[in-house]
Amino acid sequence: MTTTTTESAPASAFAVISVACLMSSCVFRSEDVAVNEEPGITPGALTTVSPPSTVFPQIHTNLSGMVTEFVRVMHQDKRGNHWFGTNTNGLICYDGTALRKVAIEGLPPRASVRNIVEDRVGNVWFGTSEGLVRHDGREFTLFSEAHGLQDEEVWGMTVDARGVVWVGSTGGVSHFDGEKFRPFALPETKVVNPRSMISDKLVLDFMEDRNGTMWIVTDGNGIFQYREGVFAHLTSQNGLIDDSATGVLQDRQGHIWIGTFHGGVSRFDGKTFANFTRDGVIDGEEVGSFLEDSQGNVWFSAENHGVYRYDGTQFTRFTTADGLTSNLVLSMCEDSEGRIWLGSWQGLCIYDGEQFVNAKDKAHWTDRRHEQRPR
């Protein structure tokens, strides 16, 4: 691992903008066949998992053959269930006893799952390439354009302090009022030469800060800040290092961390930006997958450069030399035991506080004592 102290001066000034400014248990696995028996899943349906074709060698577990290399998002819900959203292999659930691939009526088995959030009453929401799914602990409900979504290709999601579900899709932003989704219009202002990868209406991430301001990360059009009906537009013209942002996180100190596709990672202290990539503290221009762990450490990935952990004083970088499956990490999640799960191009590994280990050596789904046979 490599450790770097950072005392660098803020890289750019920011003109302070004043604005009025996840269920019941997941049944079982038996080798590569799972039986779905919960309401909301086609009764008696079998999810058969054939050996996946993969470009990358699976150094660590690939969820017992249920997915290929891409675990895009992970979440442990309030009931203790682990959810794994994959790029093209749908949704996987592990309840601490058994592992299975979840078949949801109306959702193609090869759908991509890009985001997972949990609301205040314990509903777990899954943003997918084919619509939005809500799981209330018993049933799965699939929402589409017919329910008011702007588009069924969902990327960004959050639940705000009032319990409102925000959804960013290729067609724009929607709010859920408890019954249906309603459009939420963003300003028409554009950055100079926007570089949208998918859609200029797409929102990739949301984050409500401690002051109640919603940060809305767009696909190539900077970040909008919204509070009490008033918008501000954060771009490369007023402090943002790159208009193509990937994600945003507020740490417990109140600092705002911003990852981008082309400019690396910045931290905003309320007045100024420090850009750690431009200052040479961090390697890698594409940064994302932010996580603040229970100890207050901020983690993020830097494409092809592994993951960084910031402890409030210094950055420590971890790579394959330290046990990572790959230096390209797509997702991170802390579980109830304080372990950090990391999903990469080459499967899963877990950081147990001291080292990175093969996920199958720490998770029980490959332990035959927990295996159950079809009934």
Foldseek 3Di string as FASTA:
>chain_A
DDKFFDPDDFPWWFDQDDPCFAAADDAADDQFKDFDPFAQADHRDIDGADQDDEPDAQPFDPQNRQAAAAQQEWDQFPQGKIWTFGAFQGIWIDRQQHIDHGHGPPDDRGKGWADWDAFPQHWIWTQIQQAIWIDNHGHIDGDQVVQPDQGRRWAEWDQDPVRWIWTWGQRAIWIDPPRGIHGDDDDPDADPPFDFPRHQRGWRYWDQAPVRWIWTQGRRGAIWTDDPHDIDGDAVVRADQGRGWRYWDQFPLRWIWTFGQAQGIWIHPSTGIHRCVVVPQDDARGKAAWDQFPQRWIKIAHAQQAIWIDNPTMIDGDAVVQPDQHSAWNYWDAGPQRKIWTRGSNGIWIHPPPGIGRVPVVGCNPPVVSHDDDD
